């Protein structure tokens, strides 16, 4: 039902807390509840729209007074056991609980102060992951992300009723658990109960840029948050076809090399024992000249691209040089798959790929040295 409502009314028409684009429907928060009747203006039954299937003949009422009152009451109950320190919270302005509370019209909490879990200690033991379970709303999104997205089963729910809580491993710290630091739980969390040391959900960034991860050949899409040219954090976009809202430890957290003073940012050729920065065209022509020399001396059959790790960063580099040297045909096979493009198109593709790969300059320099 929720998917149907989103298609016809928009993504934010029905508020949710436990729903996420890359997770299966779960129905733990009940904030997405709607009224469902079998006849127009008939008696409506309250159902969680996220996991209730839609059927012919149903009349769905997503914004009746009863449903609005129910949602407001649910959020009021959640807030009775949640720190109201929004102004100093990491996710202020980017908190789903905050957004839903505003959407359902929360201005005050009617219930008196009672027992709560606000005294839970923060877990800062891990080099990347952090947790403050006093802000947990038991939506299970982190547990499901660890299960459905990463497949690690590190996070789980312990206890019953008021004693329910998210635990890592066998109720350990992040560092003691088997966490692989993928960050899927952090991105899934609607509050700041689970986050990371880079505060990826904070709104300090002034610009977000979509790019491709440089670490391997999978091609994961990443959203890079920056402020004045400085990278603050990285998130995996849900609308990316390749990785669909997920990436690994390297893609999400290993970005400090971007501004490292020793990072190679240009191809180099060694002349008289010293590496000199050169343009891409110059180094292509240099390699092509070397390869043409081998071709004339040993024949064209002595030259071929070799798939080696990391695959797209290395094996395609000599392939582009081979084309420029006219040493192979316009169809190049990579891991048994024909790229099948004309020379000019393939060269443009490879050139664009090389610019994205930080190790390309090293690979080109290596090729030049071995020539």
Protein backbone atom coordinates (compact mmCIF):
# COMPACT_ATOMS: atom_id res chain seq x y z
CA UNK A 1 0.00 0.00 0.00
CA UNK A 2 2.77 2.41 0.89
CA UNK A 3 4.38 2.05 -2.54
CA UNK A 4 1.01 2.69 -4.16
CA UNK A 5 0.46 5.83 -2.08
CA UNK A 6 3.98 7.09 -2.84
CA UNK A 7 3.42 6.70 -6.58
CA UNK A 8 0.19 8.67 -6.50
CA UNK A 9 0.66 11.12 -3.61
CA UNK A 10 4.44 11.56 -3.26
CA UNK A 11 7.17 10.05 -1.10
CA UNK A 12 6.42 12.12 2.01
CA UNK A 13 2.63 11.97 1.97
CA UNK A 14 2.56 9.15 4.54
CA UNK A 15 5.25 9.51 7.26
CA UNK A 16 7.44 6.52 8.12
CA UNK A 17 10.23 5.72 10.57
CA UNK A 18 11.08 2.04 10.06
CA UNK A 19 10.88 2.08 6.26
CA UNK A 20 13.97 2.49 4.05
CA UNK A 21 14.44 2.22 0.27
CA UNK A 22 16.89 -0.69 0.43
CA UNK A 23 15.18 -2.68 3.20
CA UNK A 24 12.24 -5.07 3.14
CA UNK A 25 8.95 -3.82 4.66
CA UNK A 26 8.88 -4.43 8.40
CA UNK A 27 6.04 -2.60 10.13
CA UNK A 28 7.59 -1.93 13.55
CA UNK A 29 6.83 1.78 13.96
CA UNK A 30 3.18 1.82 12.75
CA UNK A 31 3.56 5.50 11.84
CA UNK A 32 2.61 4.63 8.25
CA UNK A 33 -0.78 3.29 9.37
CA UNK A 34 -3.75 3.99 7.11
CA UNK A 35 -7.45 3.25 7.24
CA UNK A 36 -8.65 0.50 4.89
CA UNK A 37 -12.32 -0.20 4.13
CA UNK A 38 -13.98 -2.64 1.75
CA UNK A 39 -16.66 -0.15 0.71
CA UNK A 40 -16.71 3.60 0.29
CA UNK A 41 -17.18 5.38 3.63
CA UNK A 42 -17.41 1.96 5.27
CA UNK A 43 -15.86 0.82 8.51
CA UNK A 44 -12.08 1.22 8.17
CA UNK A 45 -9.50 -1.06 9.69
CA UNK A 46 -6.15 0.43 10.70
CA UNK A 47 -3.27 -1.27 8.90
CA UNK A 48 0.45 -0.61 8.50
CA UNK A 49 0.73 0.44 4.87
CA UNK A 50 4.38 -0.56 4.42
CA UNK A 51 3.80 -4.31 4.51
CA UNK A 52 0.06 -4.62 3.83
CA UNK A 53 -0.64 -5.74 0.25
CA UNK A 54 -2.98 -3.72 -1.87
CA UNK A 55 -6.04 -5.48 -3.33
CA UNK A 56 -8.90 -4.77 -5.65
CA UNK A 57 -11.92 -3.12 -4.04
CA UNK A 58 -10.04 -1.51 -1.15
CA UNK A 59 -10.71 2.07 -0.07
CA UNK A 60 -7.58 3.54 1.52
CA UNK A 61 -7.81 6.58 3.80
CA UNK A 62 -4.24 7.81 4.54
CA UNK A 63 -5.18 11.12 6.14
CA UNK A 64 -8.41 10.69 8.09
CA UNK A 65 -8.67 12.38 11.50
CA UNK A 66 -8.42 9.06 13.30
CA UNK A 67 -5.24 8.12 11.44
CA UNK A 68 -3.66 11.53 12.03
CA UNK A 69 -4.42 11.33 15.74
CA UNK A 70 -2.93 7.83 15.89
CA UNK A 71 0.30 8.93 14.23
CA UNK A 72 0.62 11.91 16.52
CA UNK A 73 0.08 9.74 19.59
CA UNK A 74 2.72 7.23 18.44
CA UNK A 75 5.33 9.97 18.00
CA UNK A 76 4.43 11.49 21.37
CA UNK A 77 5.10 8.13 23.01
CA UNK A 78 8.42 7.80 21.17
CA UNK A 79 9.48 11.26 22.35
CA UNK A 80 8.81 10.42 26.01
CA UNK A 81 11.89 8.17 25.81
CA UNK A 82 14.06 10.29 23.56
CA UNK A 83 16.48 13.12 24.43
CA UNK A 84 15.05 16.47 23.40
CA UNK A 85 18.45 18.00 22.64
CA UNK A 86 17.78 18.65 18.96
CA UNK A 87 19.76 21.92 18.77
CA UNK A 88 23.00 20.20 19.80
CA UNK A 89 22.34 16.87 18.09
CA UNK A 90 24.53 15.78 15.17
CA UNK A 91 21.55 15.16 12.88
CA UNK A 92 19.65 18.36 13.69
CA UNK A 93 17.98 19.38 10.43
CA UNK A 94 18.52 15.93 8.92
CA UNK A 95 16.71 13.76 11.47
CA UNK A 96 13.80 11.64 10.28
CA UNK A 97 12.22 11.58 13.75
CA UNK A 98 12.40 15.37 13.85
CA UNK A 99 10.81 15.61 10.38
CA UNK A 100 8.01 13.17 11.21
CA UNK A 101 7.30 14.94 14.52
CA UNK A 102 6.88 18.20 12.61
CA UNK A 103 4.75 16.52 9.94
CA UNK A 104 2.27 15.03 12.44
CA UNK A 105 2.03 18.32 14.33
CA UNK A 106 3.94 17.69 17.56
CA UNK A 107 4.29 20.90 19.58
CA UNK A 108 4.41 19.41 23.03
CA UNK A 109 4.36 15.99 24.70
CA UNK A 110 1.25 15.47 26.83
CA UNK A 111 2.59 12.56 28.86
CA UNK A 112 4.40 13.07 32.19
CA UNK A 113 8.02 12.09 32.62
CA UNK A 114 8.38 8.40 33.48
CA UNK A 115 10.96 5.65 33.26
CA UNK A 116 13.26 6.01 30.28
CA UNK A 117 16.58 4.96 28.77
CA UNK A 118 18.21 8.37 28.59
CA UNK A 119 21.12 7.24 30.79
CA UNK A 120 22.55 4.79 28.26
CA UNK A 121 26.24 5.40 27.67
CA UNK A 122 27.73 6.26 24.29
CA UNK A 123 29.91 3.71 22.55
CA UNK A 124 33.00 5.43 21.13
CA UNK A 125 35.23 2.36 21.09
CA UNK A 126 35.38 1.94 17.31
CA UNK A 127 37.67 3.87 14.90
CA UNK A 128 34.71 4.54 12.56
CA UNK A 129 31.38 3.66 14.16
CA UNK A 130 29.71 5.39 17.11
CA UNK A 131 26.47 4.77 18.97
CA UNK A 132 24.29 6.60 21.46
CA UNK A 133 21.47 4.20 22.27
CA UNK A 134 19.65 6.77 24.39
CA UNK A 135 18.46 8.08 21.00
CA UNK A 136 17.37 4.68 19.68
CA UNK A 137 13.69 4.31 18.74
CA UNK A 138 13.79 0.51 18.19
CA UNK A 139 12.88 0.77 14.52
CA UNK A 140 15.12 -2.22 13.66
CA UNK A 141 16.54 -0.46 10.59
CA UNK A 142 20.14 -0.95 11.70
CA UNK A 143 19.52 -4.63 12.45
CA UNK A 144 17.91 -5.18 9.07
CA UNK A 145 20.66 -3.27 7.24
CA UNK A 146 23.31 -5.44 8.89
CA UNK A 147 21.29 -8.51 7.89
CA UNK A 148 19.71 -7.71 4.52
CA UNK A 149 22.32 -5.35 3.05
CA UNK A 150 25.69 -6.45 4.46
CA UNK A 151 24.79 -9.96 5.63
CA UNK A 152 26.88 -9.81 8.80
CA UNK A 153 24.19 -10.28 11.50
CA UNK A 154 26.27 -8.30 14.00
CA UNK A 155 23.35 -6.22 15.31
CA UNK A 156 20.26 -7.72 16.91
CA UNK A 157 17.47 -6.90 19.37
CA UNK A 158 17.73 -8.09 22.94
CA UNK A 159 15.11 -8.14 25.70
CA UNK A 160 11.36 -7.66 25.65
CA UNK A 161 9.01 -4.75 26.12
CA UNK A 162 10.57 -1.85 28.00
CA UNK A 163 13.87 -3.73 28.24
CA UNK A 164 14.25 -4.10 24.46
CA UNK A 165 17.50 -2.72 23.10
CA UNK A 166 19.84 -3.01 20.13
CA UNK A 167 23.00 -4.96 20.89
CA UNK A 168 26.23 -5.58 18.97
CA UNK A 169 27.44 -9.16 18.92
CA UNK A 170 26.77 -10.68 22.33
CA UNK A 171 26.03 -7.29 23.92
CA UNK A 172 29.55 -5.99 23.30
CA UNK A 173 31.00 -2.71 22.14
CA UNK A 174 31.38 -1.95 18.45
CA UNK A 175 35.10 -2.65 18.69
CA UNK A 176 34.66 -6.02 20.41
CA UNK A 177 31.95 -7.16 17.98
CA UNK A 178 32.45 -8.63 14.50
CA UNK A 179 31.49 -5.32 12.84
CA UNK A 180 33.12 -4.93 9.40
CA UNK A 181 32.74 -1.12 9.43
CA UNK A 182 30.62 -0.96 6.28
CA UNK A 183 28.47 1.84 7.74
CA UNK A 184 25.17 0.41 6.46
CA UNK A 185 23.64 0.66 9.94
CA UNK A 186 24.71 4.27 10.29
CA UNK A 187 23.11 5.28 7.00
CA UNK A 188 19.95 3.32 7.84
CA UNK A 189 19.47 4.84 11.31
CA UNK A 190 16.77 7.57 11.26
CA UNK A 191 18.27 9.33 14.30
CA UNK A 192 21.84 9.58 15.59
CA UNK A 193 21.59 6.39 17.67
CA UNK A 194 24.18 4.86 15.33
CA UNK A 195 26.51 7.14 13.42
CA UNK A 196 30.15 7.42 12.44
CA UNK A 197 33.13 9.55 13.40
CA UNK A 198 32.67 11.72 10.30
CA UNK A 199 29.10 12.62 11.30
CA UNK A 200 27.84 11.68 7.85
CA UNK A 201 24.27 12.75 8.60
CA UNK A 202 25.18 16.27 9.75
CA UNK A 203 24.19 19.18 7.51
CA UNK A 204 27.46 21.10 7.63
CA UNK A 205 28.14 20.34 3.98
CA UNK A 206 27.36 23.05 1.43
CA UNK A 207 27.62 20.84 -1.64
CA UNK A 208 26.99 17.19 -2.53
CA UNK A 209 28.64 15.66 -5.59
CA UNK A 210 27.78 12.32 -7.19
CA UNK A 211 30.87 10.37 -8.24
CA UNK A 212 32.21 6.83 -8.64
CA UNK A 213 34.33 5.02 -6.06
CA UNK A 214 37.98 4.70 -7.05
CA UNK A 215 38.91 1.60 -5.08
CA UNK A 216 37.80 -1.30 -7.29
CA UNK A 217 36.08 -2.11 -10.55
CA UNK A 218 32.52 -2.49 -9.18
CA UNK A 219 31.79 1.19 -9.84
CA UNK A 220 29.78 2.05 -6.71
CA UNK A 221 28.15 5.48 -6.86
CA UNK A 222 28.94 7.79 -3.95
CA UNK A 223 27.55 11.12 -2.74
CA UNK A 224 30.45 13.26 -1.54
CA UNK A 225 29.56 15.97 0.99
CA UNK A 226 31.95 18.90 0.94
CA UNK A 227 32.39 22.32 2.50
CA UNK A 228 34.79 24.80 0.89
CA UNK A 229 36.36 21.97 -1.08
CA UNK A 230 36.99 19.80 2.00
CA UNK A 231 35.41 16.34 2.04
CA UNK A 232 33.34 15.89 5.19
CA UNK A 233 31.66 12.54 4.61
CA UNK A 234 30.51 10.02 2.03
CA UNK A 235 27.13 8.33 1.67
CA UNK A 236 25.87 5.70 -0.77
CA UNK A 237 22.86 6.95 -2.79
CA UNK A 238 19.76 4.76 -2.78
CA UNK A 239 18.96 5.56 -6.41
CA UNK A 240 22.30 4.23 -7.71
CA UNK A 241 21.68 1.15 -9.83
CA UNK A 242 25.08 -0.38 -9.11
CA UNK A 243 25.21 -0.36 -5.30
CA UNK A 244 21.67 0.73 -4.30
CA UNK A 245 22.51 2.59 -1.11
CA UNK A 246 25.45 0.51 0.07
CA UNK A 247 29.23 0.53 -0.14
CA UNK A 248 32.18 -0.97 1.70
CA UNK A 249 34.47 0.37 4.40
CA UNK A 250 36.89 1.85 1.86
CA UNK A 251 34.24 3.54 -0.23
CA UNK A 252 32.51 5.13 2.76
CA UNK A 253 35.33 6.00 5.15
CA UNK A 254 38.74 5.78 3.44
CA UNK A 255 38.80 9.22 1.82
CA UNK A 256 41.62 10.96 3.67
CA UNK A 257 44.00 10.23 0.79
CA UNK A 258 42.10 12.65 -1.45
CA UNK A 259 43.94 15.64 -0.03
CA UNK A 260 47.16 13.88 0.86
CA UNK A 261 50.23 15.84 -0.32
CA UNK A 262 51.85 12.66 -1.70
CA UNK A 263 48.85 11.66 -3.79
CA UNK A 264 49.61 11.24 -7.50
CA UNK A 265 47.36 13.59 -9.45
CA UNK A 266 49.06 13.50 -12.83
CA UNK A 267 50.78 10.91 -15.06
CA UNK A 268 54.58 11.00 -14.94
CA UNK A 269 57.47 10.02 -17.20
CA UNK A 270 60.92 9.35 -15.85
CA UNK A 271 63.57 11.35 -17.71
CA UNK A 272 67.21 11.43 -16.65
CA UNK A 273 66.32 9.67 -13.43
CA UNK A 274 63.63 12.19 -12.42
CA UNK A 275 59.84 11.81 -12.70
CA UNK A 276 58.24 14.70 -14.60
CA UNK A 277 54.53 15.48 -14.68
CA UNK A 278 53.10 15.31 -18.19
CA UNK A 279 49.70 15.52 -19.87
CA UNK A 280 47.56 12.49 -20.65
CA UNK A 281 48.10 12.95 -24.39
CA UNK A 282 51.86 13.08 -23.94
CA UNK A 283 52.02 9.92 -21.88
CA UNK A 284 49.65 8.10 -24.25
CA UNK A 285 51.87 9.04 -27.17
CA UNK A 286 54.96 8.02 -25.20
CA UNK A 287 53.55 4.58 -24.45
CA UNK A 288 52.21 4.20 -27.99
CA UNK A 289 55.67 4.99 -29.34
CA UNK A 290 57.24 2.38 -27.13
CA UNK A 291 54.65 -0.19 -28.14
CA UNK A 292 55.10 0.62 -31.83
CA UNK A 293 58.78 -0.07 -31.32
CA UNK A 294 58.03 -3.48 -29.86
CA UNK A 295 55.58 -4.11 -32.70
CA UNK A 296 58.17 -3.34 -35.35
CA UNK A 297 60.80 -5.45 -33.61
CA UNK A 298 58.78 -8.42 -32.39
CA UNK A 299 55.46 -8.20 -34.30
CA UNK A 300 51.94 -7.16 -33.25
CA UNK A 301 51.18 -10.58 -31.74
CA UNK A 302 53.73 -9.90 -29.00
CA UNK A 303 51.51 -7.18 -27.48
CA UNK A 304 48.16 -7.67 -25.67
CA UNK A 305 46.31 -6.24 -22.65
CA UNK A 306 46.56 -8.47 -19.56
CA UNK A 307 43.77 -8.44 -16.95
CA UNK A 308 45.44 -8.03 -13.57
CA UNK A 309 44.23 -6.58 -10.28
CA UNK A 310 42.98 -3.98 -9.81
CA UNK A 311 41.28 -4.84 -13.13
CA UNK A 312 39.87 -1.59 -14.46
CA UNK A 313 42.74 0.49 -13.14
CA UNK A 314 45.52 -1.48 -14.80
CA UNK A 315 44.52 -3.72 -17.68
CA UNK A 316 42.57 -1.06 -19.55
CA UNK A 317 45.48 1.39 -19.49
CA UNK A 318 47.70 -0.58 -21.88
CA UNK A 319 44.56 -1.36 -23.89
CA UNK A 320 44.10 2.34 -24.70
CA UNK A 321 47.74 2.66 -25.60
CA UNK A 322 47.48 -0.40 -27.83
CA UNK A 323 44.63 1.16 -29.76
CA UNK A 324 46.53 4.39 -30.23
CA UNK A 325 49.48 2.35 -31.44
CA UNK A 326 47.15 0.50 -33.86
CA UNK A 327 48.53 -2.74 -32.47
CA UNK A 328 45.17 -4.46 -31.92
CA UNK A 329 41.72 -4.33 -33.47
CA UNK A 330 39.00 -1.97 -32.30
CA UNK A 331 37.31 -4.74 -30.29
CA UNK A 332 39.11 -5.52 -27.04
CA UNK A 333 38.12 -8.39 -24.76
CA UNK A 334 38.22 -7.71 -21.03
CA UNK A 335 37.82 -10.78 -18.81
CA UNK A 336 36.22 -12.53 -21.77
CA UNK A 337 33.71 -9.74 -22.46
CA UNK A 338 34.09 -7.77 -25.71
CA UNK A 339 34.02 -4.01 -25.11
CA UNK A 340 33.08 -3.67 -28.80
CA UNK A 341 33.55 0.04 -29.54
CA UNK A 342 35.25 2.07 -32.23
CA UNK A 343 38.73 3.34 -31.48
CA UNK A 344 37.72 6.92 -30.75
CA UNK A 345 34.81 5.98 -28.50
CA UNK A 346 36.88 3.44 -26.59
CA UNK A 347 39.74 5.88 -26.14
CA UNK A 348 37.32 8.49 -24.74
CA UNK A 349 35.86 5.88 -22.39
CA UNK A 350 39.26 4.80 -21.18
CA UNK A 351 40.45 8.37 -20.77
CA UNK A 352 37.44 9.18 -18.61
CA UNK A 353 38.06 6.05 -16.60
CA UNK A 354 41.70 6.87 -16.04
CA UNK A 355 40.89 10.33 -14.70
CA UNK A 356 38.69 8.68 -12.08
CA UNK A 357 41.41 6.27 -11.00
CA UNK A 358 44.01 7.72 -8.57
CA UNK A 359 46.38 4.84 -9.30
CA UNK A 360 46.37 5.51 -13.06
CA UNK A 361 49.41 7.79 -12.87
CA UNK A 362 51.37 5.12 -11.04
CA UNK A 363 50.34 2.48 -13.59
CA UNK A 364 51.36 4.68 -16.52
CA UNK A 365 54.67 5.50 -14.90
CA UNK A 366 55.26 1.81 -14.31
CA UNK A 367 54.53 1.04 -17.94
CA UNK A 368 56.90 3.76 -19.07
CA UNK A 369 59.63 2.48 -16.79
CA UNK A 370 59.25 -1.07 -18.01
CA UNK A 371 59.35 -0.04 -21.65
